[in-house]
Amino acid sequence: MLRFDPFTDIDAITKSVLAAGTGNGRSPRFMPMDLYKVEDQYVLHADLPGVDPGSVDVHIDGSTLTLTAHRTAHSEEGVSWLASERFAGTYRRQLSISDDIDAEQIVASYDKGVLTVTLPIAEKAKPRRIQVSSGPPSPAETVEGEMQVQVEA
C-alpha cells in the first residue's frame, strides 16, 4: 500500500525556503532578541554568546537600527571534530524604528553575552495633558480665527 501525504512535500519546501540565506553549518543563523517598553523607553536584549565585545556595533541610519557582531571560529588545525554546532561568523539584525525614538540618546552595552540597547522615547511622543480652559477663547489664544490649545509638559 502506498501512502500519500501532501504535507510532507510542503513541509520540506517550507524548511528549505526558510533556511535559505540563514547561514551555513558554521555561520550564524539568527540573533534572538527580546524587545519591551518600560516607562519612557524601549529596551532590546539580544543574545550574542561568545562574541568578541570589540566586534559589537550598533549603528543607526535614518530609521534603521543595525546590530552587528562577530564570533571567531576556533582554530581547526589538527582537530578531529566530534560535534560542531556552535556558529561562527557575523551576526546582523536590522530593525525599523519610528520618529518617536530619540536617536541621539540611544545607549548600548554588552555584558555576559547579552547586548542591551536602550531606545528612549522622544519628548514630543510622550503622552501629555492638555489644559482646557472654560469660556470663549481670549484674543491671545486665537490666531487668524483658529483656536490655539495650550499644552502643559
N, C-alpha and C. Protein backbone atom coordinates (compact mmCIF):
# COMPACT_ATOMS: atom_id res chain seq x y z
N MET A 1 0.84 -1.18 0.00
CA MET A 1 0.00 0.00 0.00
C MET A 1 0.89 1.24 0.00
N LEU A 2 0.59 2.19 -0.84
CA LEU A 2 1.35 3.43 -0.97
C LEU A 2 0.61 4.54 -0.24
N ARG A 3 1.30 5.19 0.65
CA ARG A 3 0.69 6.30 1.39
C ARG A 3 1.11 7.61 0.76
N PHE A 4 0.15 8.51 0.68
CA PHE A 4 0.41 9.83 0.13
C PHE A 4 0.11 10.87 1.20
N ASP A 5 1.12 11.68 1.52
CA ASP A 5 0.93 12.75 2.49
C ASP A 5 1.37 14.06 1.83
N PRO A 6 0.41 14.86 1.37
CA PRO A 6 0.78 16.10 0.67
C PRO A 6 1.53 17.09 1.55
N PHE A 7 1.37 16.98 2.86
CA PHE A 7 2.02 17.92 3.76
C PHE A 7 3.51 17.66 3.92
N THR A 8 3.95 16.46 3.63
CA THR A 8 5.38 16.14 3.73
C THR A 8 6.17 16.99 2.74
N ASP A 9 5.70 17.07 1.50
CA ASP A 9 6.39 17.88 0.49
C ASP A 9 6.33 19.36 0.83
N ILE A 10 5.17 19.82 1.28
CA ILE A 10 5.03 21.23 1.64
C ILE A 10 5.95 21.56 2.81
N ASP A 11 6.05 20.67 3.79
CA ASP A 11 6.92 20.88 4.94
C ASP A 11 8.38 20.97 4.50
N ALA A 12 8.79 20.08 3.60
CA ALA A 12 10.18 20.09 3.11
C ALA A 12 10.48 21.37 2.35
N ILE A 13 9.55 21.83 1.52
CA ILE A 13 9.74 23.06 0.76
C ILE A 13 9.82 24.25 1.70
N THR A 14 8.94 24.29 2.69
CA THR A 14 8.94 25.40 3.65
C THR A 14 10.25 25.46 4.41
N LYS A 15 10.74 24.31 4.86
CA LYS A 15 12.02 24.29 5.58
C LYS A 15 13.16 24.77 4.71
N SER A 16 13.18 24.36 3.44
CA SER A 16 14.28 24.79 2.57
C SER A 16 14.21 26.28 2.26
N VAL A 17 13.00 26.82 2.09
CA VAL A 17 12.85 28.25 1.81
C VAL A 17 13.24 29.08 3.03
N LEU A 18 12.78 28.67 4.22
CA LEU A 18 13.09 29.43 5.43
C LEU A 18 14.56 29.32 5.80
N ALA A 19 15.22 28.24 5.42
CA ALA A 19 16.63 28.06 5.75
C ALA A 19 17.53 28.79 4.76
N ALA A 20 17.01 29.12 3.59
CA ALA A 20 17.82 29.79 2.58
C ALA A 20 18.29 31.14 3.09
N GLY A 21 19.59 31.39 2.95
CA GLY A 21 20.14 32.67 3.34
C GLY A 21 20.27 32.87 4.85
N THR A 22 20.12 31.80 5.61
CA THR A 22 20.23 31.96 7.06
C THR A 22 21.57 31.47 7.58
N GLY A 23 22.50 31.23 6.70
CA GLY A 23 23.82 30.81 7.15
C GLY A 23 24.09 29.38 6.76
N ASN A 24 25.37 29.00 6.87
CA ASN A 24 25.70 27.61 6.60
C ASN A 24 26.00 26.92 7.92
N GLY A 25 26.58 25.74 7.87
CA GLY A 25 26.79 24.97 9.08
C GLY A 25 27.64 25.66 10.13
N ARG A 26 28.48 26.59 9.74
CA ARG A 26 29.37 27.25 10.71
C ARG A 26 29.11 28.74 10.83
N SER A 27 28.11 29.27 10.14
CA SER A 27 27.85 30.70 10.24
C SER A 27 26.54 30.95 10.99
N PRO A 28 26.41 32.11 11.62
CA PRO A 28 25.22 32.41 12.42
C PRO A 28 23.95 32.39 11.59
N ARG A 29 22.89 31.92 12.19
CA ARG A 29 21.60 31.87 11.51
C ARG A 29 20.67 32.98 11.98
N PHE A 30 20.77 33.39 13.23
CA PHE A 30 19.87 34.40 13.74
C PHE A 30 20.45 35.02 15.00
N MET A 31 19.85 36.12 15.41
CA MET A 31 20.23 36.81 16.65
C MET A 31 18.94 36.92 17.47
N PRO A 32 18.70 35.97 18.39
CA PRO A 32 17.47 36.05 19.18
C PRO A 32 17.45 37.30 20.04
N MET A 33 16.27 37.91 20.15
CA MET A 33 16.18 39.14 20.93
C MET A 33 14.82 39.26 21.61
N ASP A 34 14.80 40.07 22.64
CA ASP A 34 13.57 40.47 23.32
C ASP A 34 13.50 41.99 23.20
N LEU A 35 12.28 42.51 23.05
CA LEU A 35 12.08 43.95 22.98
C LEU A 35 10.85 44.27 23.79
N TYR A 36 10.99 45.22 24.72
CA TYR A 36 9.85 45.60 25.55
C TYR A 36 9.92 47.08 25.89
N LYS A 37 8.78 47.60 26.34
CA LYS A 37 8.70 49.00 26.74
C LYS A 37 8.58 49.07 28.25
N VAL A 38 9.37 49.94 28.86
CA VAL A 38 9.30 50.18 30.29
C VAL A 38 9.43 51.68 30.50
N GLU A 39 8.46 52.25 31.20
CA GLU A 39 8.41 53.69 31.45
C GLU A 39 8.51 54.46 30.13
N ASP A 40 9.52 55.29 29.96
CA ASP A 40 9.65 56.15 28.78
C ASP A 40 10.73 55.67 27.81
N GLN A 41 10.89 54.35 27.72
CA GLN A 41 11.92 53.83 26.82
C GLN A 41 11.61 52.40 26.39
N TYR A 42 12.21 52.02 25.27
CA TYR A 42 12.16 50.63 24.82
C TYR A 42 13.51 50.02 25.17
N VAL A 43 13.50 48.74 25.51
CA VAL A 43 14.74 48.04 25.85
C VAL A 43 14.82 46.78 24.98
N LEU A 44 15.96 46.62 24.33
CA LEU A 44 16.21 45.48 23.47
C LEU A 44 17.33 44.65 24.08
N HIS A 45 17.13 43.35 24.22
CA HIS A 45 18.18 42.43 24.67
C HIS A 45 18.41 41.42 23.54
N ALA A 46 19.65 41.31 23.07
CA ALA A 46 19.98 40.36 22.01
C ALA A 46 21.03 39.39 22.53
N ASP A 47 20.80 38.10 22.33
CA ASP A 47 21.74 37.08 22.77
C ASP A 47 22.87 36.94 21.76
N LEU A 48 24.09 37.16 22.24
CA LEU A 48 25.29 37.06 21.41
C LEU A 48 26.38 36.34 22.19
N PRO A 49 26.18 35.07 22.56
CA PRO A 49 27.16 34.37 23.38
C PRO A 49 28.48 34.16 22.64
N GLY A 50 29.57 34.38 23.35
CA GLY A 50 30.89 34.14 22.81
C GLY A 50 31.38 35.16 21.81
N VAL A 51 30.67 36.26 21.65
CA VAL A 51 31.05 37.29 20.70
C VAL A 51 32.13 38.18 21.32
N ASP A 52 33.11 38.55 20.52
CA ASP A 52 34.15 39.47 20.97
C ASP A 52 33.51 40.84 21.19
N PRO A 53 33.58 41.39 22.42
CA PRO A 53 32.94 42.69 22.70
C PRO A 53 33.39 43.81 21.75
N GLY A 54 34.62 43.74 21.27
CA GLY A 54 35.12 44.76 20.35
C GLY A 54 34.47 44.71 18.97
N SER A 55 33.82 43.58 18.65
CA SER A 55 33.20 43.45 17.33
C SER A 55 31.73 43.89 17.32
N VAL A 56 31.19 44.19 18.49
CA VAL A 56 29.77 44.57 18.57
C VAL A 56 29.62 46.01 18.09
N ASP A 57 28.68 46.19 17.15
CA ASP A 57 28.45 47.52 16.59
C ASP A 57 26.95 47.78 16.55
N VAL A 58 26.56 48.94 17.05
CA VAL A 58 25.17 49.39 16.99
C VAL A 58 25.20 50.66 16.17
N HIS A 59 24.45 50.66 15.06
CA HIS A 59 24.51 51.77 14.11
C HIS A 59 23.09 52.19 13.75
N ILE A 60 22.87 53.50 13.68
CA ILE A 60 21.56 54.00 13.24
C ILE A 60 21.75 54.85 12.01
N ASP A 61 20.92 54.58 11.01
CA ASP A 61 20.96 55.33 9.76
C ASP A 61 19.51 55.64 9.39
N GLY A 62 19.12 56.88 9.62
CA GLY A 62 17.73 57.26 9.38
C GLY A 62 16.82 56.54 10.35
N SER A 63 15.94 55.71 9.84
CA SER A 63 15.02 54.97 10.70
C SER A 63 15.40 53.50 10.82
N THR A 64 16.65 53.15 10.47
CA THR A 64 17.11 51.76 10.54
C THR A 64 18.18 51.61 11.62
N LEU A 65 17.91 50.74 12.58
CA LEU A 65 18.87 50.41 13.62
C LEU A 65 19.51 49.07 13.24
N THR A 66 20.83 49.04 13.12
CA THR A 66 21.54 47.83 12.72
C THR A 66 22.43 47.36 13.86
N LEU A 67 22.27 46.09 14.23
CA LEU A 67 23.11 45.45 15.25
C LEU A 67 24.01 44.45 14.53
N THR A 68 25.32 44.55 14.78
CA THR A 68 26.27 43.66 14.14
C THR A 68 27.26 43.17 15.18
N ALA A 69 27.66 41.90 15.08
CA ALA A 69 28.66 41.32 15.98
C ALA A 69 29.33 40.16 15.27
N HIS A 70 30.52 39.79 15.72
CA HIS A 70 31.27 38.71 15.08
C HIS A 70 31.82 37.75 16.13
N ARG A 71 31.67 36.47 15.85
CA ARG A 71 32.27 35.44 16.70
C ARG A 71 33.25 34.66 15.85
N THR A 72 34.49 34.58 16.32
CA THR A 72 35.56 33.91 15.59
C THR A 72 35.52 32.42 15.86
N ALA A 73 35.74 31.65 14.80
CA ALA A 73 35.78 30.20 14.93
C ALA A 73 37.09 29.79 15.58
N HIS A 74 37.05 28.71 16.32
CA HIS A 74 38.29 28.17 16.90
C HIS A 74 39.16 27.62 15.78
N SER A 75 40.47 27.62 16.02
CA SER A 75 41.40 27.08 15.04
C SER A 75 41.05 25.62 14.77
N GLU A 76 40.99 25.27 13.49
CA GLU A 76 40.59 23.91 13.13
C GLU A 76 41.78 23.04 12.75
N GLU A 77 42.99 23.53 12.95
CA GLU A 77 44.18 22.78 12.59
C GLU A 77 44.39 21.62 13.55
N GLY A 78 44.51 20.42 13.02
CA GLY A 78 44.78 19.24 13.84
C GLY A 78 43.63 18.82 14.73
N VAL A 79 42.43 19.29 14.44
CA VAL A 79 41.28 18.98 15.27
C VAL A 79 40.41 17.94 14.58
N SER A 80 39.98 16.94 15.34
CA SER A 80 39.02 15.96 14.85
C SER A 80 37.69 16.27 15.52
N TRP A 81 36.81 16.93 14.80
CA TRP A 81 35.53 17.36 15.37
C TRP A 81 34.63 16.17 15.63
N LEU A 82 34.05 16.11 16.80
CA LEU A 82 33.05 15.11 17.14
C LEU A 82 31.66 15.73 17.02
N ALA A 83 31.57 17.00 17.31
CA ALA A 83 30.34 17.76 17.14
C ALA A 83 30.73 19.22 16.90
N SER A 84 30.05 19.87 16.00
CA SER A 84 30.33 21.27 15.69
C SER A 84 29.00 21.98 15.46
N GLU A 85 28.40 22.45 16.54
CA GLU A 85 27.08 23.06 16.48
C GLU A 85 27.08 24.55 16.78
N ARG A 86 28.19 25.08 17.28
CA ARG A 86 28.26 26.50 17.61
C ARG A 86 28.65 27.28 16.37
N PHE A 87 27.87 28.32 16.09
CA PHE A 87 28.09 29.11 14.90
C PHE A 87 29.24 30.09 15.08
N ALA A 88 29.91 30.38 13.98
CA ALA A 88 30.96 31.40 13.95
C ALA A 88 30.69 32.27 12.74
N GLY A 89 31.08 33.51 12.83
CA GLY A 89 30.87 34.44 11.73
C GLY A 89 30.20 35.71 12.21
N THR A 90 29.56 36.40 11.28
CA THR A 90 28.95 37.69 11.58
C THR A 90 27.45 37.56 11.78
N TYR A 91 26.99 38.12 12.89
CA TYR A 91 25.56 38.22 13.18
C TYR A 91 25.12 39.63 12.78
N ARG A 92 23.95 39.75 12.17
CA ARG A 92 23.45 41.07 11.82
C ARG A 92 21.92 41.06 11.94
N ARG A 93 21.40 42.12 12.52
CA ARG A 93 19.95 42.26 12.65
C ARG A 93 19.61 43.72 12.42
N GLN A 94 18.58 43.97 11.60
CA GLN A 94 18.16 45.34 11.33
C GLN A 94 16.71 45.50 11.77
N LEU A 95 16.44 46.66 12.38
CA LEU A 95 15.12 46.98 12.86
C LEU A 95 14.74 48.37 12.39
N SER A 96 13.49 48.56 12.05
CA SER A 96 12.98 49.88 11.72
C SER A 96 12.49 50.54 13.00
N ILE A 97 12.90 51.77 13.21
CA ILE A 97 12.44 52.50 14.38
C ILE A 97 11.67 53.73 13.92
N SER A 98 10.75 54.17 14.75
CA SER A 98 9.93 55.32 14.38
C SER A 98 10.60 56.63 14.76
N ASP A 99 10.00 57.71 14.32
CA ASP A 99 10.50 59.05 14.66
C ASP A 99 10.25 59.36 16.13
N ASP A 100 9.46 58.52 16.80
CA ASP A 100 9.16 58.74 18.21
C ASP A 100 10.33 58.37 19.12
N ILE A 101 11.39 57.80 18.56
CA ILE A 101 12.59 57.44 19.33
C ILE A 101 13.57 58.60 19.26
N ASP A 102 14.15 58.92 20.41
CA ASP A 102 15.18 59.97 20.48
C ASP A 102 16.52 59.33 20.11
N ALA A 103 16.85 59.36 18.83
CA ALA A 103 18.04 58.66 18.31
C ALA A 103 19.33 59.17 18.94
N GLU A 104 19.36 60.42 19.38
CA GLU A 104 20.57 60.99 19.98
C GLU A 104 20.85 60.40 21.37
N GLN A 105 19.85 59.82 22.00
CA GLN A 105 20.00 59.32 23.37
C GLN A 105 20.06 57.79 23.46
N ILE A 106 20.15 57.09 22.34
CA ILE A 106 20.24 55.63 22.35
C ILE A 106 21.57 55.22 22.99
N VAL A 107 21.51 54.25 23.90
CA VAL A 107 22.73 53.73 24.53
C VAL A 107 22.73 52.22 24.41
N ALA A 108 23.95 51.65 24.38
CA ALA A 108 24.09 50.20 24.24
C ALA A 108 25.21 49.70 25.15
N SER A 109 25.04 48.46 25.64
CA SER A 109 26.09 47.83 26.44
C SER A 109 26.07 46.32 26.15
N TYR A 110 27.23 45.69 26.33
CA TYR A 110 27.36 44.25 26.10
C TYR A 110 27.96 43.64 27.36
N ASP A 111 27.21 42.71 27.97
CA ASP A 111 27.66 42.10 29.21
C ASP A 111 27.21 40.64 29.27
N LYS A 112 28.14 39.75 29.54
CA LYS A 112 27.86 38.33 29.71
C LYS A 112 27.08 37.73 28.54
N GLY A 113 27.46 38.12 27.33
CA GLY A 113 26.85 37.55 26.14
C GLY A 113 25.53 38.16 25.72
N VAL A 114 25.12 39.25 26.38
CA VAL A 114 23.85 39.89 26.03
C VAL A 114 24.10 41.35 25.68
N LEU A 115 23.64 41.74 24.49
CA LEU A 115 23.69 43.13 24.06
C LEU A 115 22.39 43.79 24.50
N THR A 116 22.50 44.90 25.22
CA THR A 116 21.32 45.65 25.66
C THR A 116 21.35 47.02 25.00
N VAL A 117 20.27 47.36 24.31
CA VAL A 117 20.15 48.66 23.65
C VAL A 117 18.93 49.34 24.24
N THR A 118 19.12 50.55 24.75
CA THR A 118 18.03 51.32 25.33
C THR A 118 17.66 52.43 24.36
N LEU A 119 16.38 52.47 23.98
CA LEU A 119 15.88 53.42 23.00
C LEU A 119 14.85 54.33 23.68
N PRO A 120 15.27 55.52 24.11
CA PRO A 120 14.34 56.41 24.81
C PRO A 120 13.30 57.02 23.87
N ILE A 121 12.11 57.20 24.39
CA ILE A 121 11.04 57.84 23.63
C ILE A 121 11.28 59.35 23.65
N ALA A 122 11.15 59.98 22.49
CA ALA A 122 11.35 61.43 22.36
C ALA A 122 10.28 62.18 23.14
N GLU A 123 10.64 63.34 23.64
CA GLU A 123 9.71 64.17 24.41
C GLU A 123 8.43 64.46 23.63
N LYS A 124 8.57 64.71 22.33
CA LYS A 124 7.41 65.05 21.52
C LYS A 124 6.41 63.89 21.41
N ALA A 125 6.87 62.67 21.65
CA ALA A 125 6.00 61.50 21.51
C ALA A 125 5.41 61.03 22.84
N LYS A 126 5.86 61.63 23.94
CA LYS A 126 5.35 61.22 25.25
C LYS A 126 3.94 61.74 25.46
N PRO A 127 3.13 60.99 26.18
CA PRO A 127 1.79 61.48 26.48
C PRO A 127 1.86 62.76 27.31
N ARG A 128 0.92 63.64 27.10
CA ARG A 128 0.91 64.89 27.84
C ARG A 128 -0.53 65.31 28.09
N ARG A 129 -0.72 66.12 29.09
CA ARG A 129 -2.05 66.61 29.45
C ARG A 129 -2.26 67.96 28.79
N ILE A 130 -3.42 68.13 28.21
CA ILE A 130 -3.77 69.39 27.57
C ILE A 130 -4.78 70.08 28.46
N GLN A 131 -4.43 71.30 28.90
CA GLN A 131 -5.31 72.06 29.77
C GLN A 131 -6.43 72.67 28.95
N VAL A 132 -7.63 72.47 29.42
CA VAL A 132 -8.80 73.02 28.74
C VAL A 132 -9.33 74.17 29.58
N SER A 133 -9.44 75.34 28.96
CA SER A 133 -9.98 76.49 29.68
C SER A 133 -11.47 76.61 29.38
N SER A 134 -12.20 77.24 30.29
CA SER A 134 -13.64 77.42 30.07
C SER A 134 -13.90 78.83 29.57
N GLY A 135 -15.00 78.99 28.89
CA GLY A 135 -15.36 80.29 28.36
C GLY A 135 -14.82 80.48 26.96
N PRO A 136 -15.13 81.62 26.35
CA PRO A 136 -14.65 81.87 24.99
C PRO A 136 -13.13 82.08 24.99
N PRO A 137 -12.48 81.70 23.90
CA PRO A 137 -11.03 81.90 23.84
C PRO A 137 -10.68 83.39 23.85
N SER A 138 -9.60 83.70 24.52
CA SER A 138 -9.15 85.09 24.56
C SER A 138 -8.43 85.41 23.26
N PRO A 139 -8.28 86.70 22.93
CA PRO A 139 -7.60 87.07 21.67
C PRO A 139 -6.18 86.49 21.59
N ALA A 140 -5.51 86.32 22.74
CA ALA A 140 -4.15 85.77 22.73
C ALA A 140 -4.15 84.30 22.33
N GLU A 141 -5.28 83.61 22.56
CA GLU A 141 -5.36 82.19 22.23
C GLU A 141 -5.84 81.97 20.80
N THR A 142 -6.23 83.01 20.10
CA THR A 142 -6.77 82.89 18.75
C THR A 142 -5.83 83.58 17.77
N VAL A 143 -5.48 82.87 16.70
CA VAL A 143 -4.62 83.44 15.67
C VAL A 143 -5.34 83.23 14.34
N GLU A 144 -5.65 84.31 13.64
CA GLU A 144 -6.32 84.27 12.35
C GLU A 144 -7.56 83.38 12.38
N GLY A 145 -8.35 83.51 13.44
CA GLY A 145 -9.60 82.77 13.52
C GLY A 145 -9.46 81.33 13.95
N GLU A 146 -8.26 80.84 14.20
CA GLU A 146 -8.07 79.45 14.63
C GLU A 146 -7.85 79.42 16.12
N MET A 147 -8.41 78.46 16.77
CA MET A 147 -8.27 78.33 18.23
C MET A 147 -6.94 77.65 18.55
N GLN A 148 -6.20 78.16 19.49
CA GLN A 148 -4.94 77.59 19.94
C GLN A 148 -5.16 76.86 21.25
N VAL A 149 -4.54 75.70 21.41
CA VAL A 149 -4.66 74.92 22.64
C VAL A 149 -3.34 75.00 23.38
N GLN A 150 -3.40 75.32 24.67
CA GLN A 150 -2.19 75.38 25.48
C GLN A 150 -1.83 73.98 25.93
N VAL A 151 -0.56 73.64 25.86
CA VAL A 151 -0.08 72.32 26.24
C VAL A 151 0.81 72.42 27.44
N GLU A 152 0.52 71.60 28.45
CA GLU A 152 1.39 71.52 29.64
C GLU A 152 2.30 70.33 29.48
N ALA A 153 3.59 70.50 29.70
CA ALA A 153 4.54 69.39 29.58
C ALA A 153 4.65 68.67 30.89
